[in-house]
Amino acid sequence: MLIHPTVDRLRSLGLAAMADTLAELQNNPEAAGMPHAHWLGLLVDREVTARDNRRLTRRLTSAKLRQVAAIENVDYRTARGLDRSLFQTLATCQWVREANHLVIVGPTGTGKSWLACALGNKACRDGFSVLYKRTSRLFADLAQARGEGRLARLIAALERVNLLILDDWGPEPLTADQHRDLLEIVDDRYDKGSLLITSQVPVSQWHDVIAEPMTS
């Protein structure tokens, strides 16, 4: 049976993985004895897997994670006070599903950014949209957007992300504009999305960074 027209039609429909699998099966003598239902199941499985992989690639690309990190590669032997049981619970991404927030605090060099990226990677793999930003870079982007009259659009785009990672929070006190922008971002995420913040500044000292008694 000539299958080239069918393969071409599958490709024209955007079913490239299914087309490749059909051609592969046709050229495999061992597949000749397989029931047609098995062929169909394999075609569908390959197409679903290919589409899932493409979606994951898009999520990882959009996330712009600073480091290539995965929860499977976490070294719990490193002396940094990481609770293995707690981290494994966080790796389920239930906190992202529930739109909760997470803070990772510790001195420089303890791998806070790497751990944040590992959790961001897992969230992408679990189907969530993620965006990584160094806090200083985010504030620069917000300032530029304000000057160009597109601040509202940028903040709305941030709101749509399931998990927003703000890395290296708190080296310098916030300006008035930064304070207002951050408050709006945090408020927009209430019950809608998660926020992951890394900082070398203990939470007890965040008042000095925020510099706003009513907020802190």
N, C-alpha and C. Protein backbone atom coordinates (compact mmCIF):
# COMPACT_ATOMS: atom_id res chain seq x y z
N MET A 1 0.85 -1.19 0.00
CA MET A 1 0.00 0.00 0.00
C MET A 1 0.88 1.24 0.00
N LEU A 2 0.56 2.17 -0.89
CA LEU A 2 1.31 3.42 -0.93
C LEU A 2 0.80 4.34 0.18
N ILE A 3 1.70 4.76 1.04
CA ILE A 3 1.28 5.61 2.16
C ILE A 3 1.78 7.04 2.01
N HIS A 4 2.53 7.30 0.93
CA HIS A 4 3.11 8.64 0.78
C HIS A 4 2.04 9.74 0.78
N PRO A 5 0.90 9.57 0.07
CA PRO A 5 -0.13 10.61 0.13
C PRO A 5 -0.64 10.84 1.55
N THR A 6 -0.79 9.73 2.32
CA THR A 6 -1.26 9.87 3.69
C THR A 6 -0.24 10.59 4.55
N VAL A 7 1.03 10.24 4.37
CA VAL A 7 2.10 10.92 5.12
C VAL A 7 2.11 12.41 4.79
N ASP A 8 1.98 12.74 3.50
CA ASP A 8 1.98 14.15 3.10
C ASP A 8 0.78 14.88 3.68
N ARG A 9 -0.38 14.19 3.70
CA ARG A 9 -1.58 14.84 4.24
C ARG A 9 -1.45 15.06 5.75
N LEU A 10 -0.85 14.11 6.45
CA LEU A 10 -0.62 14.28 7.89
C LEU A 10 0.28 15.48 8.15
N ARG A 11 1.32 15.61 7.34
CA ARG A 11 2.22 16.75 7.52
C ARG A 11 1.50 18.07 7.24
N SER A 12 0.64 18.08 6.22
CA SER A 12 -0.10 19.30 5.90
C SER A 12 -1.06 19.69 7.02
N LEU A 13 -1.47 18.71 7.81
CA LEU A 13 -2.36 18.96 8.95
C LEU A 13 -1.58 19.31 10.22
N GLY A 14 -0.25 19.38 10.11
CA GLY A 14 0.55 19.69 11.28
C GLY A 14 0.81 18.51 12.18
N LEU A 15 0.66 17.29 11.65
CA LEU A 15 0.85 16.07 12.44
C LEU A 15 2.15 15.40 12.01
N ALA A 16 3.26 16.14 12.17
CA ALA A 16 4.55 15.66 11.68
C ALA A 16 5.00 14.40 12.39
N ALA A 17 4.82 14.34 13.70
CA ALA A 17 5.26 13.16 14.45
C ALA A 17 4.46 11.94 14.04
N MET A 18 3.18 12.12 13.79
CA MET A 18 2.35 11.01 13.35
C MET A 18 2.78 10.55 11.95
N ALA A 19 3.12 11.50 11.09
CA ALA A 19 3.56 11.16 9.74
C ALA A 19 4.87 10.39 9.78
N ASP A 20 5.81 10.85 10.61
CA ASP A 20 7.10 10.16 10.73
C ASP A 20 6.92 8.74 11.26
N THR A 21 6.01 8.60 12.22
CA THR A 21 5.78 7.27 12.81
C THR A 21 5.13 6.33 11.80
N LEU A 22 4.21 6.85 11.00
CA LEU A 22 3.56 6.02 9.99
C LEU A 22 4.60 5.52 8.99
N ALA A 23 5.48 6.41 8.54
CA ALA A 23 6.52 6.01 7.60
C ALA A 23 7.46 4.99 8.24
N GLU A 24 7.77 5.18 9.50
CA GLU A 24 8.64 4.25 10.23
C GLU A 24 8.02 2.87 10.32
N LEU A 25 6.73 2.83 10.64
CA LEU A 25 6.05 1.54 10.75
C LEU A 25 5.97 0.84 9.40
N GLN A 26 5.70 1.61 8.36
CA GLN A 26 5.58 1.04 7.02
C GLN A 26 6.90 0.39 6.59
N ASN A 27 8.00 0.96 7.02
CA ASN A 27 9.31 0.45 6.63
C ASN A 27 9.87 -0.59 7.59
N ASN A 28 9.08 -0.94 8.59
CA ASN A 28 9.52 -1.92 9.59
C ASN A 28 8.79 -3.24 9.36
N PRO A 29 9.48 -4.27 8.87
CA PRO A 29 8.81 -5.56 8.59
C PRO A 29 8.15 -6.16 9.83
N GLU A 30 8.72 -5.91 11.00
CA GLU A 30 8.17 -6.48 12.23
C GLU A 30 6.82 -5.85 12.59
N ALA A 31 6.55 -4.68 12.05
CA ALA A 31 5.29 -4.00 12.36
C ALA A 31 4.15 -4.48 11.48
N ALA A 32 4.47 -5.24 10.44
CA ALA A 32 3.42 -5.67 9.50
C ALA A 32 2.35 -6.50 10.18
N GLY A 33 2.75 -7.28 11.18
CA GLY A 33 1.77 -8.14 11.84
C GLY A 33 1.02 -7.47 12.97
N MET A 34 1.31 -6.23 13.24
CA MET A 34 0.63 -5.52 14.33
C MET A 34 -0.80 -5.18 13.92
N PRO A 35 -1.76 -5.33 14.82
CA PRO A 35 -3.14 -4.91 14.52
C PRO A 35 -3.18 -3.42 14.20
N HIS A 36 -4.11 -3.03 13.35
CA HIS A 36 -4.22 -1.62 12.98
C HIS A 36 -4.50 -0.73 14.19
N ALA A 37 -5.20 -1.28 15.18
CA ALA A 37 -5.49 -0.50 16.39
C ALA A 37 -4.19 -0.15 17.11
N HIS A 38 -3.22 -1.06 17.09
CA HIS A 38 -1.93 -0.79 17.71
C HIS A 38 -1.17 0.29 16.94
N TRP A 39 -1.27 0.23 15.61
CA TRP A 39 -0.65 1.27 14.79
C TRP A 39 -1.24 2.64 15.16
N LEU A 40 -2.56 2.69 15.22
CA LEU A 40 -3.22 3.96 15.51
C LEU A 40 -2.82 4.47 16.90
N GLY A 41 -2.77 3.56 17.87
CA GLY A 41 -2.39 3.97 19.21
C GLY A 41 -0.98 4.52 19.26
N LEU A 42 -0.07 3.89 18.52
CA LEU A 42 1.32 4.35 18.49
C LEU A 42 1.42 5.70 17.80
N LEU A 43 0.68 5.87 16.71
CA LEU A 43 0.69 7.16 16.01
C LEU A 43 0.22 8.28 16.92
N VAL A 44 -0.86 8.04 17.63
CA VAL A 44 -1.41 9.07 18.51
C VAL A 44 -0.45 9.36 19.67
N ASP A 45 0.13 8.32 20.26
CA ASP A 45 1.06 8.50 21.38
C ASP A 45 2.27 9.34 20.96
N ARG A 46 2.82 9.04 19.78
CA ARG A 46 3.98 9.78 19.30
C ARG A 46 3.64 11.26 19.07
N GLU A 47 2.45 11.50 18.53
CA GLU A 47 2.04 12.88 18.26
C GLU A 47 1.84 13.65 19.57
N VAL A 48 1.20 13.00 20.53
CA VAL A 48 0.98 13.65 21.83
C VAL A 48 2.31 13.95 22.51
N THR A 49 3.23 12.99 22.48
CA THR A 49 4.55 13.20 23.09
C THR A 49 5.29 14.34 22.43
N ALA A 50 5.24 14.40 21.10
CA ALA A 50 5.94 15.45 20.37
C ALA A 50 5.36 16.83 20.71
N ARG A 51 4.04 16.90 20.82
CA ARG A 51 3.41 18.19 21.14
C ARG A 51 3.72 18.60 22.57
N ASP A 52 3.72 17.63 23.49
CA ASP A 52 4.07 17.93 24.88
C ASP A 52 5.50 18.45 24.96
N ASN A 53 6.39 17.84 24.21
CA ASN A 53 7.79 18.28 24.22
C ASN A 53 7.95 19.68 23.65
N ARG A 54 7.19 19.98 22.60
CA ARG A 54 7.25 21.34 22.03
C ARG A 54 6.72 22.38 23.01
N ARG A 55 5.63 22.04 23.70
CA ARG A 55 5.08 22.98 24.68
C ARG A 55 6.07 23.20 25.82
N LEU A 56 6.71 22.12 26.27
CA LEU A 56 7.71 22.25 27.34
C LEU A 56 8.87 23.12 26.88
N THR A 57 9.32 22.92 25.65
CA THR A 57 10.42 23.73 25.13
C THR A 57 10.04 25.21 25.11
N ARG A 58 8.80 25.50 24.71
CA ARG A 58 8.34 26.90 24.70
C ARG A 58 8.29 27.47 26.11
N ARG A 59 7.80 26.68 27.07
CA ARG A 59 7.73 27.17 28.45
C ARG A 59 9.13 27.44 29.01
N LEU A 60 10.06 26.54 28.75
CA LEU A 60 11.43 26.72 29.24
C LEU A 60 12.10 27.92 28.57
N THR A 61 11.84 28.11 27.30
CA THR A 61 12.40 29.26 26.59
C THR A 61 11.84 30.56 27.16
N SER A 62 10.54 30.59 27.38
CA SER A 62 9.89 31.79 27.92
C SER A 62 10.30 32.07 29.36
N ALA A 63 10.62 31.01 30.11
CA ALA A 63 10.98 31.18 31.53
C ALA A 63 12.29 31.93 31.68
N LYS A 64 13.21 31.77 30.74
CA LYS A 64 14.50 32.45 30.78
C LYS A 64 15.25 32.17 32.08
N LEU A 65 15.22 30.92 32.50
CA LEU A 65 15.90 30.56 33.73
C LEU A 65 17.39 30.83 33.61
N ARG A 66 17.96 31.38 34.66
CA ARG A 66 19.35 31.80 34.62
C ARG A 66 20.31 30.62 34.55
N GLN A 67 19.95 29.51 35.18
CA GLN A 67 20.82 28.35 35.24
C GLN A 67 20.07 27.11 34.78
N VAL A 68 20.81 26.17 34.20
CA VAL A 68 20.25 24.87 33.84
C VAL A 68 20.29 24.03 35.11
N ALA A 69 19.14 23.84 35.72
CA ALA A 69 19.07 23.15 37.01
C ALA A 69 17.84 22.27 37.04
N ALA A 70 17.93 21.16 37.75
CA ALA A 70 16.81 20.23 37.87
C ALA A 70 16.78 19.68 39.29
N ILE A 71 15.58 19.45 39.80
CA ILE A 71 15.44 18.98 41.18
C ILE A 71 16.12 17.63 41.37
N GLU A 72 16.21 16.84 40.29
CA GLU A 72 16.84 15.52 40.40
C GLU A 72 18.34 15.62 40.70
N ASN A 73 18.92 16.80 40.45
CA ASN A 73 20.36 16.97 40.64
C ASN A 73 20.72 17.73 41.92
N VAL A 74 19.76 17.95 42.79
CA VAL A 74 20.04 18.64 44.04
C VAL A 74 20.97 17.77 44.90
N ASP A 75 22.03 18.38 45.42
CA ASP A 75 22.97 17.68 46.30
C ASP A 75 22.63 18.03 47.74
N TYR A 76 21.98 17.09 48.42
CA TYR A 76 21.57 17.34 49.80
C TYR A 76 22.74 17.21 50.78
N ARG A 77 23.89 16.79 50.30
CA ARG A 77 25.05 16.67 51.18
C ARG A 77 25.72 18.02 51.42
N THR A 78 25.42 18.99 50.55
CA THR A 78 26.01 20.31 50.73
C THR A 78 25.49 20.95 52.01
N ALA A 79 26.38 21.51 52.80
CA ALA A 79 26.00 22.11 54.08
C ALA A 79 25.44 23.51 53.86
N ARG A 80 24.14 23.59 53.60
CA ARG A 80 23.50 24.89 53.40
C ARG A 80 22.15 24.98 54.11
N GLY A 81 21.86 23.99 54.97
CA GLY A 81 20.63 24.04 55.75
C GLY A 81 19.38 23.71 54.96
N LEU A 82 19.53 22.97 53.86
CA LEU A 82 18.38 22.62 53.03
C LEU A 82 17.68 21.40 53.61
N ASP A 83 16.40 21.55 53.91
CA ASP A 83 15.59 20.46 54.45
C ASP A 83 15.14 19.58 53.28
N ARG A 84 15.65 18.36 53.24
CA ARG A 84 15.37 17.46 52.12
C ARG A 84 13.87 17.19 51.98
N SER A 85 13.21 16.89 53.08
CA SER A 85 11.79 16.58 53.03
C SER A 85 10.98 17.78 52.54
N LEU A 86 11.32 18.97 53.04
CA LEU A 86 10.60 20.17 52.63
C LEU A 86 10.81 20.45 51.15
N PHE A 87 12.05 20.32 50.70
CA PHE A 87 12.33 20.62 49.29
C PHE A 87 11.62 19.64 48.37
N GLN A 88 11.59 18.38 48.76
CA GLN A 88 10.89 17.39 47.94
C GLN A 88 9.40 17.67 47.89
N THR A 89 8.85 18.22 48.98
CA THR A 89 7.45 18.64 48.97
C THR A 89 7.25 19.81 48.01
N LEU A 90 8.18 20.77 48.06
CA LEU A 90 8.10 21.91 47.15
C LEU A 90 8.21 21.46 45.69
N ALA A 91 8.97 20.40 45.45
CA ALA A 91 9.18 19.90 44.09
C ALA A 91 7.92 19.31 43.48
N THR A 92 6.89 19.04 44.30
CA THR A 92 5.63 18.56 43.75
C THR A 92 4.85 19.68 43.06
N CYS A 93 5.27 20.94 43.33
CA CYS A 93 4.63 22.14 42.77
C CYS A 93 3.21 22.36 43.27
N GLN A 94 2.83 21.71 44.36
CA GLN A 94 1.50 21.95 44.92
C GLN A 94 1.35 23.39 45.36
N TRP A 95 2.43 23.98 45.85
CA TRP A 95 2.38 25.39 46.28
C TRP A 95 2.11 26.32 45.10
N VAL A 96 2.56 25.92 43.89
CA VAL A 96 2.26 26.72 42.70
C VAL A 96 0.79 26.54 42.33
N ARG A 97 0.31 25.32 42.42
CA ARG A 97 -1.11 25.07 42.12
C ARG A 97 -2.01 25.89 43.04
N GLU A 98 -1.58 26.08 44.29
CA GLU A 98 -2.39 26.79 45.27
C GLU A 98 -2.06 28.28 45.30
N ALA A 99 -1.22 28.74 44.38
CA ALA A 99 -0.85 30.15 44.27
C ALA A 99 -0.24 30.67 45.57
N ASN A 100 0.59 29.84 46.20
CA ASN A 100 1.32 30.26 47.39
C ASN A 100 2.67 30.84 46.98
N HIS A 101 3.36 31.43 47.95
CA HIS A 101 4.63 32.07 47.68
C HIS A 101 5.76 31.39 48.46
N LEU A 102 7.00 31.60 47.99
CA LEU A 102 8.15 30.94 48.59
C LEU A 102 9.32 31.92 48.65
N VAL A 103 10.02 31.90 49.76
CA VAL A 103 11.22 32.72 49.93
C VAL A 103 12.38 31.79 50.25
N ILE A 104 13.48 31.95 49.52
CA ILE A 104 14.72 31.21 49.79
C ILE A 104 15.76 32.22 50.25
N VAL A 105 16.16 32.11 51.51
CA VAL A 105 17.09 33.08 52.11
C VAL A 105 18.37 32.36 52.53
N GLY A 106 19.50 33.02 52.30
CA GLY A 106 20.78 32.45 52.71
C GLY A 106 21.91 33.31 52.23
N PRO A 107 23.10 33.09 52.76
CA PRO A 107 24.25 33.89 52.34
C PRO A 107 24.65 33.62 50.90
N THR A 108 25.45 34.51 50.36
CA THR A 108 25.96 34.36 48.99
C THR A 108 26.73 33.06 48.85
N GLY A 109 26.50 32.37 47.74
CA GLY A 109 27.25 31.15 47.46
C GLY A 109 26.61 29.88 47.95
N THR A 110 25.39 29.96 48.47
CA THR A 110 24.72 28.75 48.98
C THR A 110 23.81 28.10 47.95
N GLY A 111 23.73 28.66 46.75
CA GLY A 111 22.95 28.03 45.68
C GLY A 111 21.49 28.41 45.64
N LYS A 112 21.16 29.59 46.16
CA LYS A 112 19.75 30.01 46.16
C LYS A 112 19.20 30.12 44.74
N SER A 113 19.98 30.75 43.85
CA SER A 113 19.51 30.91 42.47
C SER A 113 19.36 29.57 41.78
N TRP A 114 20.28 28.66 42.03
CA TRP A 114 20.22 27.33 41.41
C TRP A 114 18.98 26.59 41.88
N LEU A 115 18.69 26.64 43.17
CA LEU A 115 17.51 25.98 43.69
C LEU A 115 16.23 26.59 43.11
N ALA A 116 16.22 27.92 42.99
CA ALA A 116 15.06 28.60 42.41
C ALA A 116 14.85 28.17 40.97
N CYS A 117 15.95 28.07 40.21
CA CYS A 117 15.84 27.64 38.81
C CYS A 117 15.42 26.18 38.71
N ALA A 118 15.87 25.35 39.65
CA ALA A 118 15.46 23.94 39.65
C ALA A 118 13.95 23.84 39.88
N LEU A 119 13.43 24.64 40.81
CA LEU A 119 11.98 24.62 41.05
C LEU A 119 11.23 25.22 39.86
N GLY A 120 11.82 26.23 39.22
CA GLY A 120 11.20 26.79 38.02
C GLY A 120 11.16 25.80 36.88
N ASN A 121 12.25 25.04 36.73
CA ASN A 121 12.29 23.99 35.71
C ASN A 121 11.21 22.95 35.95
N LYS A 122 11.05 22.54 37.23
CA LYS A 122 10.03 21.53 37.54
C LYS A 122 8.63 22.09 37.28
N ALA A 123 8.42 23.36 37.59
CA ALA A 123 7.11 23.97 37.33
C ALA A 123 6.82 23.97 35.82
N CYS A 124 7.83 24.27 35.01
CA CYS A 124 7.65 24.20 33.55
C CYS A 124 7.27 22.79 33.13
N ARG A 125 7.96 21.80 33.68
CA ARG A 125 7.69 20.41 33.33
C ARG A 125 6.29 19.98 33.77
N ASP A 126 5.77 20.63 34.80
CA ASP A 126 4.43 20.30 35.29
C ASP A 126 3.34 21.12 34.60
N GLY A 127 3.73 21.90 33.59
CA GLY A 127 2.74 22.60 32.78
C GLY A 127 2.47 24.03 33.17
N PHE A 128 3.25 24.61 34.10
CA PHE A 128 3.03 25.99 34.53
C PHE A 128 3.91 26.95 33.72
N SER A 129 3.42 28.15 33.54
CA SER A 129 4.24 29.19 32.93
C SER A 129 5.11 29.82 34.01
N VAL A 130 6.36 30.09 33.66
CA VAL A 130 7.35 30.58 34.62
C VAL A 130 8.11 31.74 33.99
N LEU A 131 8.52 32.69 34.81
CA LEU A 131 9.40 33.77 34.36
C LEU A 131 10.42 34.06 35.44
N TYR A 132 11.69 33.98 35.07
CA TYR A 132 12.78 34.31 35.98
C TYR A 132 13.26 35.72 35.71
N LYS A 133 13.45 36.50 36.78
CA LYS A 133 14.00 37.84 36.65
C LYS A 133 14.92 38.13 37.83
N ARG A 134 16.11 38.65 37.54
CA ARG A 134 16.88 39.25 38.62
C ARG A 134 16.14 40.51 39.04
N THR A 135 16.03 40.73 40.33
CA THR A 135 15.21 41.84 40.81
C THR A 135 15.67 43.17 40.23
N SER A 136 16.98 43.37 40.15
CA SER A 136 17.49 44.63 39.59
C SER A 136 17.08 44.79 38.13
N ARG A 137 17.09 43.71 37.38
CA ARG A 137 16.69 43.74 35.98
C ARG A 137 15.20 44.03 35.83
N LEU A 138 14.40 43.44 36.72
CA LEU A 138 12.96 43.68 36.68
C LEU A 138 12.66 45.15 36.92
N PHE A 139 13.29 45.74 37.94
CA PHE A 139 13.04 47.15 38.22
C PHE A 139 13.51 48.03 37.07
N ALA A 140 14.58 47.67 36.39
CA ALA A 140 15.04 48.42 35.23
C ALA A 140 14.02 48.32 34.10
N ASP A 141 13.47 47.12 33.89
CA ASP A 141 12.44 46.93 32.86
C ASP A 141 11.19 47.74 33.18
N LEU A 142 10.82 47.76 34.45
CA LEU A 142 9.63 48.51 34.86
C LEU A 142 9.84 50.01 34.66
N ALA A 143 11.05 50.49 35.00
CA ALA A 143 11.34 51.91 34.81
C ALA A 143 11.31 52.28 33.33
N GLN A 144 11.85 51.42 32.48
CA GLN A 144 11.83 51.69 31.04
C GLN A 144 10.40 51.67 30.52
N ALA A 145 9.61 50.71 30.98
CA ALA A 145 8.22 50.62 30.55
C ALA A 145 7.43 51.85 30.99
N ARG A 146 7.73 52.36 32.17
CA ARG A 146 7.04 53.56 32.65
C ARG A 146 7.37 54.74 31.73
N GLY A 147 8.62 54.86 31.35
CA GLY A 147 9.02 55.96 30.48
C GLY A 147 8.43 55.87 29.09
N GLU A 148 8.15 54.62 28.65
CA GLU A 148 7.61 54.41 27.30
C GLU A 148 6.08 54.29 27.29
N GLY A 149 5.48 54.45 28.46
CA GLY A 149 4.02 54.41 28.54
C GLY A 149 3.40 53.04 28.41
N ARG A 150 4.16 51.99 28.72
CA ARG A 150 3.63 50.63 28.62
C ARG A 150 3.75 49.86 29.94
N LEU A 151 3.80 50.60 31.04
CA LEU A 151 3.95 49.96 32.35
C LEU A 151 2.77 49.03 32.65
N ALA A 152 1.57 49.49 32.37
CA ALA A 152 0.39 48.68 32.66
C ALA A 152 0.42 47.35 31.90
N ARG A 153 0.88 47.39 30.62
CA ARG A 153 0.95 46.17 29.83
C ARG A 153 1.98 45.20 30.40
N LEU A 154 3.12 45.73 30.85
CA LEU A 154 4.15 44.86 31.41
C LEU A 154 3.67 44.21 32.70
N ILE A 155 3.06 44.99 33.57
CA ILE A 155 2.57 44.42 34.83
C ILE A 155 1.48 43.40 34.57
N ALA A 156 0.62 43.65 33.57
CA ALA A 156 -0.43 42.69 33.21
C ALA A 156 0.20 41.39 32.70
N ALA A 157 1.29 41.49 31.93
CA ALA A 157 1.97 40.30 31.43
C ALA A 157 2.58 39.50 32.58
N LEU A 158 3.14 40.20 33.56
CA LEU A 158 3.70 39.52 34.73
C LEU A 158 2.60 38.81 35.51
N GLU A 159 1.44 39.40 35.57
CA GLU A 159 0.32 38.82 36.32
C GLU A 159 -0.11 37.49 35.73
N ARG A 160 0.02 37.34 34.42
CA ARG A 160 -0.45 36.11 33.77
C ARG A 160 0.47 34.92 34.00
N VAL A 161 1.68 35.16 34.47
CA VAL A 161 2.63 34.07 34.69
C VAL A 161 2.27 33.29 35.95
N ASN A 162 2.25 31.98 35.85
CA ASN A 162 1.91 31.16 37.02
C ASN A 162 2.93 31.28 38.15
N LEU A 163 4.23 31.33 37.79
CA LEU A 163 5.29 31.44 38.78
C LEU A 163 6.28 32.51 38.35
N LEU A 164 6.39 33.56 39.15
CA LEU A 164 7.34 34.63 38.91
C LEU A 164 8.49 34.49 39.90
N ILE A 165 9.71 34.33 39.38
CA ILE A 165 10.90 34.18 40.22
C ILE A 165 11.65 35.51 40.24
N LEU A 166 11.82 36.07 41.44
CA LEU A 166 12.60 37.28 41.62
C LEU A 166 13.87 36.91 42.37
N ASP A 167 14.98 36.96 41.65
CA ASP A 167 16.26 36.51 42.22
C ASP A 167 17.05 37.70 42.77
N ASP A 168 17.73 37.47 43.89
CA ASP A 168 18.62 38.45 44.51
C ASP A 168 17.88 39.70 44.93
N TRP A 169 16.88 39.48 45.75
CA TRP A 169 16.08 40.59 46.28
C TRP A 169 16.81 41.27 47.44
N GLY A 170 16.73 42.61 47.48
CA GLY A 170 17.07 43.33 48.68
C GLY A 170 18.45 43.89 48.89
N PRO A 171 19.36 43.93 47.90
CA PRO A 171 20.67 44.52 48.19
C PRO A 171 20.58 46.02 48.50
N GLU A 172 19.60 46.72 47.86
CA GLU A 172 19.46 48.16 48.04
C GLU A 172 18.03 48.50 48.41
N PRO A 173 17.84 49.56 49.23
CA PRO A 173 16.47 50.00 49.54
C PRO A 173 15.71 50.38 48.27
N LEU A 174 14.41 50.20 48.29
CA LEU A 174 13.59 50.51 47.12
C LEU A 174 13.33 52.00 47.00
N THR A 175 13.27 52.46 45.77
CA THR A 175 12.82 53.83 45.51
C THR A 175 11.30 53.84 45.62
N ALA A 176 10.72 55.04 45.58
CA ALA A 176 9.27 55.16 45.67
C ALA A 176 8.58 54.44 44.51
N ASP A 177 9.12 54.60 43.28
CA ASP A 177 8.53 53.94 42.12
C ASP A 177 8.66 52.42 42.24
N GLN A 178 9.82 51.94 42.65
CA GLN A 178 10.02 50.50 42.81
C GLN A 178 9.08 49.93 43.85
N HIS A 179 8.89 50.67 44.92
CA HIS A 179 7.98 50.21 45.98
C HIS A 179 6.56 50.07 45.45
N ARG A 180 6.10 51.07 44.71
CA ARG A 180 4.74 51.03 44.15
C ARG A 180 4.60 49.88 43.15
N ASP A 181 5.58 49.72 42.30
CA ASP A 181 5.52 48.65 41.29
C ASP A 181 5.49 47.28 41.95
N LEU A 182 6.37 47.08 42.93
CA LEU A 182 6.41 45.78 43.61
C LEU A 182 5.11 45.50 44.33
N LEU A 183 4.56 46.51 44.99
CA LEU A 183 3.29 46.32 45.69
C LEU A 183 2.19 45.91 44.72
N GLU A 184 2.16 46.52 43.53
CA GLU A 184 1.14 46.18 42.54
C GLU A 184 1.34 44.75 42.03
N ILE A 185 2.60 44.37 41.78
CA ILE A 185 2.88 43.01 41.31
C ILE A 185 2.45 41.98 42.33
N VAL A 186 2.80 42.20 43.60
CA VAL A 186 2.45 41.26 44.66
C VAL A 186 0.93 41.21 44.83
N ASP A 187 0.29 42.36 44.81
CA ASP A 187 -1.16 42.41 44.99
C ASP A 187 -1.88 41.70 43.85
N ASP A 188 -1.38 41.87 42.61
CA ASP A 188 -2.00 41.23 41.45
C ASP A 188 -1.93 39.70 41.53
N ARG A 189 -0.94 39.18 42.24
CA ARG A 189 -0.73 37.74 42.28
C ARG A 189 -1.52 37.07 43.40
N TYR A 190 -2.24 37.83 44.19
CA TYR A 190 -2.99 37.26 45.30
C TYR A 190 -4.03 36.25 44.78
N ASP A 191 -3.88 35.00 45.18
CA ASP A 191 -4.77 33.90 44.78
C ASP A 191 -4.75 33.63 43.27
N LYS A 192 -3.79 34.19 42.53
CA LYS A 192 -3.74 33.99 41.09
C LYS A 192 -2.44 33.32 40.64
N GLY A 193 -1.34 33.65 41.28
CA GLY A 193 -0.05 33.12 40.86
C GLY A 193 0.93 33.12 42.01
N SER A 194 2.00 32.39 41.83
CA SER A 194 3.01 32.25 42.88
C SER A 194 4.19 33.16 42.63
N LEU A 195 4.87 33.49 43.71
CA LEU A 195 6.05 34.33 43.69
C LEU A 195 7.15 33.61 44.45
N LEU A 196 8.32 33.47 43.82
CA LEU A 196 9.48 32.86 44.47
C LEU A 196 10.56 33.93 44.55
N ILE A 197 10.98 34.27 45.76
CA ILE A 197 11.98 35.30 45.97
C ILE A 197 13.22 34.68 46.61
N THR A 198 14.39 35.00 46.07
CA THR A 198 15.64 34.62 46.73
C THR A 198 16.30 35.88 47.25
N SER A 199 16.95 35.77 48.41
CA SER A 199 17.56 36.94 49.01
C SER A 199 18.65 36.53 49.99
N GLN A 200 19.67 37.34 50.07
CA GLN A 200 20.69 37.14 51.10
C GLN A 200 20.37 37.98 52.33
N VAL A 201 19.30 38.76 52.25
CA VAL A 201 18.88 39.60 53.37
C VAL A 201 17.85 38.85 54.21
N PRO A 202 18.08 38.66 55.50
CA PRO A 202 17.10 37.99 56.36
C PRO A 202 15.75 38.71 56.31
N VAL A 203 14.68 37.95 56.36
CA VAL A 203 13.33 38.53 56.26
C VAL A 203 13.13 39.60 57.33
N SER A 204 13.74 39.41 58.48
CA SER A 204 13.59 40.37 59.58
C SER A 204 14.12 41.76 59.21
N GLN A 205 14.96 41.84 58.17
CA GLN A 205 15.54 43.12 57.76
C GLN A 205 14.88 43.68 56.50
N TRP A 206 13.83 43.03 56.03
CA TRP A 206 13.20 43.50 54.80
C TRP A 206 12.54 44.86 54.99
N HIS A 207 12.17 45.19 56.22
CA HIS A 207 11.58 46.51 56.48
C HIS A 207 12.51 47.61 55.98
N ASP A 208 13.82 47.44 56.19
CA ASP A 208 14.77 48.46 55.77
C ASP A 208 14.86 48.55 54.25
N VAL A 209 14.63 47.44 53.57
CA VAL A 209 14.67 47.44 52.11
C VAL A 209 13.42 48.06 51.53
N ILE A 210 12.28 47.66 52.07
CA ILE A 210 11.00 48.17 51.57
C ILE A 210 10.84 49.65 51.91
N ALA A 211 11.32 50.03 53.12
CA ALA A 211 11.31 51.43 53.54
C ALA A 211 9.92 52.04 53.51
N GLU A 212 8.95 51.26 53.88
CA GLU A 212 7.58 51.74 53.91
C GLU A 212 6.84 51.03 55.04
N PRO A 213 6.67 51.68 56.20
CA PRO A 213 6.08 51.02 57.36
C PRO A 213 4.71 50.43 57.11
N MET A 214 3.87 51.11 56.33
CA MET A 214 2.51 50.63 56.12
C MET A 214 2.52 49.32 55.32
N THR A 215 3.51 49.13 54.45
CA THR A 215 3.59 47.93 53.64
C THR A 215 4.26 46.81 54.39
N SER A 216 5.39 47.07 55.01
CA SER A 216 6.16 46.03 55.67
C SER A 216 5.52 45.59 56.96
